[in-house]
C-alpha atoms as a PDB file:
ATOM      1  CA  UNK A   1     -13.203  24.717 -22.677  1.00  0.00           C
ATOM      2  CA  UNK A   2     -11.624  21.240 -22.900  1.00  0.00           C
ATOM      3  CA  UNK A   3      -8.457  21.872 -21.554  1.00  0.00           C
ATOM      4  CA  UNK A   4     -10.085  23.288 -18.703  1.00  0.00           C
ATOM      5  CA  UNK A   5     -12.179  20.042 -18.454  1.00  0.00           C
ATOM      6  CA  UNK A   6      -9.104  17.780 -18.092  1.00  0.00           C
ATOM      7  CA  UNK A   7      -7.613  19.728 -15.377  1.00  0.00           C
ATOM      8  CA  UNK A   8     -10.780  20.093 -13.560  1.00  0.00           C
ATOM      9  CA  UNK A   9     -10.887  16.152 -13.888  1.00  0.00           C
ATOM     10  CA  UNK A  10      -7.136  15.689 -12.792  1.00  0.00           C
ATOM     11  CA  UNK A  11      -8.290  17.775  -9.568  1.00  0.00           C
ATOM     12  CA  UNK A  12     -11.169  16.052  -9.040  1.00  0.00           C
ATOM     13  CA  UNK A  13      -9.144  12.573  -8.782  1.00  0.00           C
ATOM     14  CA  UNK A  14      -6.379  13.917  -7.003  1.00  0.00           C
ATOM     15  CA  UNK A  15      -8.710  15.422  -4.140  1.00  0.00           C
ATOM     16  CA  UNK A  16     -10.314  11.890  -3.576  1.00  0.00           C
ATOM     17  CA  UNK A  17     -10.095  10.695  -0.132  1.00  0.00           C
ATOM     18  CA  UNK A  18     -12.618   7.684   0.106  1.00  0.00           C
ATOM     19  CA  UNK A  19     -12.423   4.835   1.893  1.00  0.00           C
ATOM     20  CA  UNK A  20     -10.843   2.779  -0.392  1.00  0.00           C
ATOM     21  CA  UNK A  21      -8.092   5.740  -1.089  1.00  0.00           C
ATOM     22  CA  UNK A  22      -7.313   5.813   2.467  1.00  0.00           C
ATOM     23  CA  UNK A  23      -7.192   2.298   2.699  1.00  0.00           C
ATOM     24  CA  UNK A  24      -4.398   1.771   0.098  1.00  0.00           C
ATOM     25  CA  UNK A  25      -2.902   4.591   1.631  1.00  0.00           C
ATOM     26  CA  UNK A  26      -2.504   3.181   4.849  1.00  0.00           C
ATOM     27  CA  UNK A  27      -1.239  -0.065   3.397  1.00  0.00           C
ATOM     28  CA  UNK A  28       1.538   1.591   1.963  1.00  0.00           C
ATOM     29  CA  UNK A  29       2.993   2.072   4.985  1.00  0.00           C
ATOM     30  CA  UNK A  30       3.513  -1.321   5.921  1.00  0.00           C
ATOM     31  CA  UNK A  31       6.775  -1.242   3.931  1.00  0.00           C
ATOM     32  CA  UNK A  32       8.667   0.984   6.257  1.00  0.00           C
ATOM     33  CA  UNK A  33       6.997  -0.801   9.280  1.00  0.00           C
ATOM     34  CA  UNK A  34       8.186  -3.921   8.491  1.00  0.00           C
ATOM     35  CA  UNK A  35      11.772  -2.865   7.610  1.00  0.00           C
ATOM     36  CA  UNK A  36      11.573  -1.177  11.298  1.00  0.00           C
ATOM     37  CA  UNK A  37      10.543  -3.564  13.962  1.00  0.00           C
ATOM     38  CA  UNK A  38      13.060  -5.318  16.095  1.00  0.00           C
ATOM     39  CA  UNK A  39      14.044  -8.753  14.706  1.00  0.00           C
ATOM     40  CA  UNK A  40      11.817 -11.846  15.527  1.00  0.00           C
ATOM     41  CA  UNK A  41      12.483 -12.856  19.164  1.00  0.00           C
ATOM     42  CA  UNK A  42      10.264 -14.914  21.790  1.00  0.00           C
ATOM     43  CA  UNK A  43       9.390 -11.774  23.542  1.00  0.00           C
ATOM     44  CA  UNK A  44       8.376  -9.733  20.171  1.00  0.00           C
ATOM     45  CA  UNK A  45       6.527 -12.543  19.231  1.00  0.00           C
ATOM     46  CA  UNK A  46       4.357 -12.942  22.507  1.00  0.00           C
ATOM     47  CA  UNK A  47       3.813  -8.934  22.635  1.00  0.00           C
ATOM     48  CA  UNK A  48       1.228  -6.767  20.861  1.00  0.00           C
ATOM     49  CA  UNK A  49       3.626  -6.580  17.816  1.00  0.00           C
ATOM     50  CA  UNK A  50       3.378 -10.513  17.637  1.00  0.00           C
ATOM     51  CA  UNK A  51       0.910 -10.264  14.430  1.00  0.00           C
ATOM     52  CA  UNK A  52       3.401  -7.388  12.709  1.00  0.00           C
ATOM     53  CA  UNK A  53       6.647  -9.892  13.522  1.00  0.00           C
ATOM     54  CA  UNK A  54       4.990 -12.981  11.688  1.00  0.00           C
ATOM     55  CA  UNK A  55       4.350 -10.932   8.820  1.00  0.00           C
ATOM     56  CA  UNK A  56       7.527  -9.458   8.775  1.00  0.00           C
ATOM     57  CA  UNK A  57       9.017 -13.266   8.904  1.00  0.00           C
ATOM     58  CA  UNK A  58       6.622 -14.283   6.168  1.00  0.00           C
ATOM     59  CA  UNK A  59       7.491 -10.789   4.278  1.00  0.00           C
ATOM     60  CA  UNK A  60      11.397 -11.094   4.524  1.00  0.00           C
ATOM     61  CA  UNK A  61      11.206 -14.901   3.766  1.00  0.00           C
ATOM     62  CA  UNK A  62       9.630 -14.399   0.506  1.00  0.00           C
ATOM     63  CA  UNK A  63      11.983 -13.977  -2.298  1.00  0.00           C
ATOM     64  CA  UNK A  64      12.527 -10.175  -3.620  1.00  0.00           C
ATOM     65  CA  UNK A  65       9.817  -9.096  -1.575  1.00  0.00           C
ATOM     66  CA  UNK A  66      11.419  -5.670  -0.972  1.00  0.00           C
ATOM     67  CA  UNK A  67      12.033  -4.870  -4.625  1.00  0.00           C
ATOM     68  CA  UNK A  68       8.647  -6.038  -5.209  1.00  0.00           C
ATOM     69  CA  UNK A  69       6.832  -4.080  -2.912  1.00  0.00           C
ATOM     70  CA  UNK A  70       9.499  -1.209  -3.953  1.00  0.00           C
ATOM     71  CA  UNK A  71       8.304  -1.419  -7.414  1.00  0.00           C
ATOM     72  CA  UNK A  72       4.694  -1.483  -6.620  1.00  0.00           C
ATOM     73  CA  UNK A  73       4.822   1.784  -4.578  1.00  0.00           C
ATOM     74  CA  UNK A  74       6.961   3.515  -7.031  1.00  0.00           C
ATOM     75  CA  UNK A  75       4.121   2.491  -9.569  1.00  0.00           C
ATOM     76  CA  UNK A  76       1.457   3.986  -7.420  1.00  0.00           C
ATOM     77  CA  UNK A  77       3.145   7.099  -6.804  1.00  0.00           C
ATOM     78  CA  UNK A  78       3.987   7.844 -10.402  1.00  0.00           C
ATOM     79  CA  UNK A  79       0.571   7.024 -11.382  1.00  0.00           C
ATOM     80  CA  UNK A  80      -1.290  10.531 -12.417  1.00  0.00           C
ATOM     81  CA  UNK A  81      -4.704   8.916 -12.506  1.00  0.00           C
ATOM     82  CA  UNK A  82      -4.342   7.896  -8.908  1.00  0.00           C
ATOM     83  CA  UNK A  83      -5.668  10.145  -5.845  1.00  0.00           C
ATOM     84  CA  UNK A  84      -3.073  12.355  -4.504  1.00  0.00           C
ATOM     85  CA  UNK A  85      -3.397  10.584  -1.085  1.00  0.00           C
ATOM     86  CA  UNK A  86      -2.457   7.401  -2.578  1.00  0.00           C
ATOM     87  CA  UNK A  87       0.427   8.811  -4.291  1.00  0.00           C
ATOM     88  CA  UNK A  88       1.701  10.818  -1.650  1.00  0.00           C
ATOM     89  CA  UNK A  89       1.434   7.594   0.871  1.00  0.00           C
ATOM     90  CA  UNK A  90       3.095   5.534  -1.243  1.00  0.00           C
ATOM     91  CA  UNK A  91       6.055   7.972  -2.058  1.00  0.00           C
ATOM     92  CA  UNK A  92       6.318   8.756   1.802  1.00  0.00           C
ATOM     93  CA  UNK A  93       6.560   5.239   2.498  1.00  0.00           C
ATOM     94  CA  UNK A  94       9.575   4.809   0.189  1.00  0.00           C
ATOM     95  CA  UNK A  95      11.347   7.917   1.684  1.00  0.00           C
ATOM     96  CA  UNK A  96      10.374   6.595   5.259  1.00  0.00           C
ATOM     97  CA  UNK A  97      11.941   3.081   4.292  1.00  0.00           C
ATOM     98  CA  UNK A  98      15.178   4.410   2.945  1.00  0.00           C
ATOM     99  CA  UNK A  99      15.354   6.732   5.862  1.00  0.00           C
ATOM    100  CA  UNK A 100      15.201   4.104   8.323  1.00  0.00           C
ATOM    101  CA  UNK A 101      17.635   1.823   5.985  1.00  0.00           C
ATOM    102  CA  UNK A 102      20.286   4.170   6.481  1.00  0.00           C
ATOM    103  CA  UNK A 103      19.265   5.861  10.092  1.00  0.00           C
ATOM    104  CA  UNK A 104      19.176   2.455  11.739  1.00  0.00           C
ATOM    105  CA  UNK A 105      22.625   1.459  11.049  1.00  0.00           C
ATOM    106  CA  UNK A 106      23.928   4.816  11.229  1.00  0.00           C
ATOM    107  CA  UNK A 107      22.417   4.818  15.161  1.00  0.00           C
ATOM    108  CA  UNK A 108      24.041   1.447  15.535  1.00  0.00           C
ATOM    109  CA  UNK A 109      27.497   2.569  14.311  1.00  0.00           C
ATOM    110  CA  UNK A 110      27.356   5.989  16.635  1.00  0.00           C
ATOM    111  CA  UNK A 111      25.698   4.685  19.509  1.00  0.00           C
ATOM    112  CA  UNK A 112      25.987   1.203  19.934  1.00  0.00           C
ATOM    113  CA  UNK A 113      23.493  -1.493  20.305  1.00  0.00           C
ATOM    114  CA  UNK A 114      21.593   1.009  23.142  1.00  0.00           C
ATOM    115  CA  UNK A 115      20.846   3.487  20.362  1.00  0.00           C
ATOM    116  CA  UNK A 116      19.020   1.124  18.167  1.00  0.00           C
ATOM    117  CA  UNK A 117      15.810   0.783  20.427  1.00  0.00           C
ATOM    118  CA  UNK A 118      15.147   4.564  20.390  1.00  0.00           C
ATOM    119  CA  UNK A 119      16.038   5.142  16.439  1.00  0.00           C
ATOM    120  CA  UNK A 120      13.339   2.371  16.058  1.00  0.00           C
ATOM    121  CA  UNK A 121      10.843   4.076  18.324  1.00  0.00           C
ATOM    122  CA  UNK A 122      11.327   7.562  16.598  1.00  0.00           C
ATOM    123  CA  UNK A 123      10.713   5.864  13.000  1.00  0.00           C
ATOM    124  CA  UNK A 124       7.732   3.825  14.762  1.00  0.00           C
ATOM    125  CA  UNK A 125       6.416   7.449  15.946  1.00  0.00           C
ATOM    126  CA  UNK A 126       6.823   8.860  11.989  1.00  0.00           C
ATOM    127  CA  UNK A 127       5.334   5.730  10.456  1.00  0.00           C
ATOM    128  CA  UNK A 128       2.401   5.857  13.138  1.00  0.00           C
ATOM    129  CA  UNK A 129       1.500   9.440  12.745  1.00  0.00           C
ATOM    130  CA  UNK A 130       1.441   9.179   9.089  1.00  0.00           C
ATOM    131  CA  UNK A 131      -0.841   5.866   9.602  1.00  0.00           C
ATOM    132  CA  UNK A 132      -3.352   7.935  11.619  1.00  0.00           C
ATOM    133  CA  UNK A 133      -3.460  11.017   9.459  1.00  0.00           C
ATOM    134  CA  UNK A 134      -3.893   8.963   6.315  1.00  0.00           C
ATOM    135  CA  UNK A 135      -6.641   6.857   7.692  1.00  0.00           C
ATOM    136  CA  UNK A 136      -8.632  10.062   8.317  1.00  0.00           C
ATOM    137  CA  UNK A 137      -8.235  11.458   4.876  1.00  0.00           C
ATOM    138  CA  UNK A 138      -5.204  13.782   5.682  1.00  0.00           C
ATOM    139  CA  UNK A 139      -1.934  14.111   3.886  1.00  0.00           C
ATOM    140  CA  UNK A 140       0.850  13.917   6.057  1.00  0.00           C
ATOM    141  CA  UNK A 141       3.144  16.423   4.857  1.00  0.00           C
ATOM    142  CA  UNK A 142       3.785  18.120   8.068  1.00  0.00           C
ATOM    143  CA  UNK A 143       5.414  15.059   9.274  1.00  0.00           C
ATOM    144  CA  UNK A 144       8.899  15.999  10.124  1.00  0.00           C
ATOM    145  CA  UNK A 145      11.633  15.648   7.610  1.00  0.00           C
ATOM    146  CA  UNK A 146      10.026  12.592   5.499  1.00  0.00           C
ATOM    147  CA  UNK A 147       6.585  14.302   5.375  1.00  0.00           C
ATOM    148  CA  UNK A 148       8.094  17.755   4.062  1.00  0.00           C
ATOM    149  CA  UNK A 149      10.113  16.104   1.371  1.00  0.00           C
ATOM    150  CA  UNK A 150       7.594  13.772  -0.101  1.00  0.00           C
ATOM    151  CA  UNK A 151       5.202  17.241  -0.099  1.00  0.00           C
ATOM    152  CA  UNK A 152       7.805  18.705  -2.216  1.00  0.00           C
ATOM    153  CA  UNK A 153       7.978  15.491  -4.678  1.00  0.00           C
ATOM    154  CA  UNK A 154       4.566  15.469  -4.698  1.00  0.00           C
ATOM    155  CA  UNK A 155       3.674  19.015  -5.426  1.00  0.00           C
ATOM    156  CA  UNK A 156       6.277  18.939  -8.285  1.00  0.00           C
ATOM    157  CA  UNK A 157       4.730  16.111  -9.964  1.00  0.00           C
ATOM    158  CA  UNK A 158       1.276  17.400  -9.913  1.00  0.00           C
ATOM    159  CA  UNK A 159       2.721  20.775 -11.262  1.00  0.00           C
ATOM    160  CA  UNK A 160       4.366  18.534 -14.086  1.00  0.00           C
ATOM    161  CA  UNK A 161       0.814  17.107 -14.821  1.00  0.00           C
ATOM    162  CA  UNK A 162      -0.933  20.279 -14.875  1.00  0.00           C
ATOM    163  CA  UNK A 163       1.560  21.840 -17.049  1.00  0.00           C
ATOM    164  CA  UNK A 164       1.342  18.890 -19.656  1.00  0.00           C
ATOM    165  CA  UNK A 165      -2.473  18.881 -19.660  1.00  0.00           C
ATOM    166  CA  UNK A 166      -2.028  22.716 -20.244  1.00  0.00           C
ATOM    167  CA  UNK A 167      -0.010  22.388 -23.002  1.00  0.00           C
ATOM    168  CA  UNK A 168      -1.832  19.718 -25.028  1.00  0.00           C
ATOM    169  CA  UNK A 169      -3.652  21.145 -27.695  1.00  0.00           C
ATOM    170  CA  UNK A 170      -6.754  19.232 -29.125  1.00  0.00           C
ATOM    171  CA  UNK A 171      -9.549  17.105 -27.916  1.00  0.00           C
ATOM    172  CA  UNK A 172      -8.425  13.861 -28.396  1.00  0.00           C
ATOM    173  CA  UNK A 173      -8.350  11.652 -25.270  1.00  0.00           C
ATOM    174  CA  UNK A 174      -5.552  12.599 -22.939  1.00  0.00           C
ATOM    175  CA  UNK A 175      -3.239   9.628 -21.372  1.00  0.00           C
ATOM    176  CA  UNK A 176      -1.774  11.672 -18.367  1.00  0.00           C
ATOM    177  CA  UNK A 177       0.783   9.163 -17.335  1.00  0.00           C
ATOM    178  CA  UNK A 178       2.218   8.655 -20.918  1.00  0.00           C
ATOM    179  CA  UNK A 179       2.405  11.972 -21.160  1.00  0.00           C
ATOM    180  CA  UNK A 180       4.429  12.602 -18.095  1.00  0.00           C
ATOM    181  CA  UNK A 181       6.777   9.536 -19.042  1.00  0.00           C
ATOM    182  CA  UNK A 182       7.733  11.435 -22.055  1.00  0.00           C
ATOM    183  CA  UNK A 183       8.046  14.304 -20.378  1.00  0.00           C
ATOM    184  CA  UNK A 184      10.538  12.780 -17.788  1.00  0.00           C
ATOM    185  CA  UNK A 185      12.300  11.204 -20.556  1.00  0.00           C
ATOM    186  CA  UNK A 186      12.820  14.328 -22.414  1.00  0.00           C
ATOM    187  CA  UNK A 187      14.057  15.762 -19.198  1.00  0.00           C
ATOM    188  CA  UNK A 188      16.612  12.555 -18.796  1.00  0.00           C
ATOM    189  CA  UNK A 189      17.980  13.264 -22.622  1.00  0.00           C
ATOM    190  CA  UNK A 190      18.463  16.996 -21.896  1.00  0.00           C
ATOM    191  CA  UNK A 191      20.210  16.058 -19.099  1.00  0.00           C
ATOM    192  CA  UNK A 192      22.468  13.475 -20.694  1.00  0.00           C
ATOM    193  CA  UNK A 193      23.087  16.104 -23.710  1.00  0.00           C
ATOM    194  CA  UNK A 194      24.182  18.621 -21.016  1.00  0.00           C
ATOM    195  CA  UNK A 195      26.504  16.360 -19.350  1.00  0.00           C
ATOM    196  CA  UNK A 196      28.234  15.519 -22.832  1.00  0.00           C
ATOM    197  CA  UNK A 197      28.523  18.924 -23.308  1.00  0.00           C
ATOM    198  CA  UNK A 198      30.304  19.819 -20.126  1.00  0.00           C
ATOM    199  CA  UNK A 199      32.500  17.203 -20.828  1.00  0.00           C
ATOM    200  CA  UNK A 200      33.626  18.441 -24.044  1.00  0.00           C
END
């Protein structure tokens, strides 16, 4: 059965946890790591964080680096032809980065400068836990808050891909990513129609 074969092929790719998959997953967490570490200082440069601080300086001095990395990770997260661990890590890195972008200023506003270091340590713990699990081929879906949210997003995405495959009739080659894009576009159109109807 062609449909069954396609589902099996999707699952086979999704379940891959080889060295390349794990390496790409681990690399994704550089985004929240570089945005979470303290600003460069002589003390930080001389510490164990020195190499990461130097990378952070180069990263933040490169024009539009944040936007480019965000787009890259977004593409990985929505690539149905990529292993699930890669897609999960890319999406999780984005979620962690957004959480730190809100959490660190909030900690500063509520607790003053003294609250920043504990907040950075909390995010560093989440990132390190995620990196460690990903390096061993384990999806960090149980990481508090961010991991659980990312797991829901990834589960929903996989479910959508499987529905698209199951609804496909015929034996022509299947471009999963193109079909998912069409499904998302259709959903956006339906939402727009619903908004127009509610305004009327």
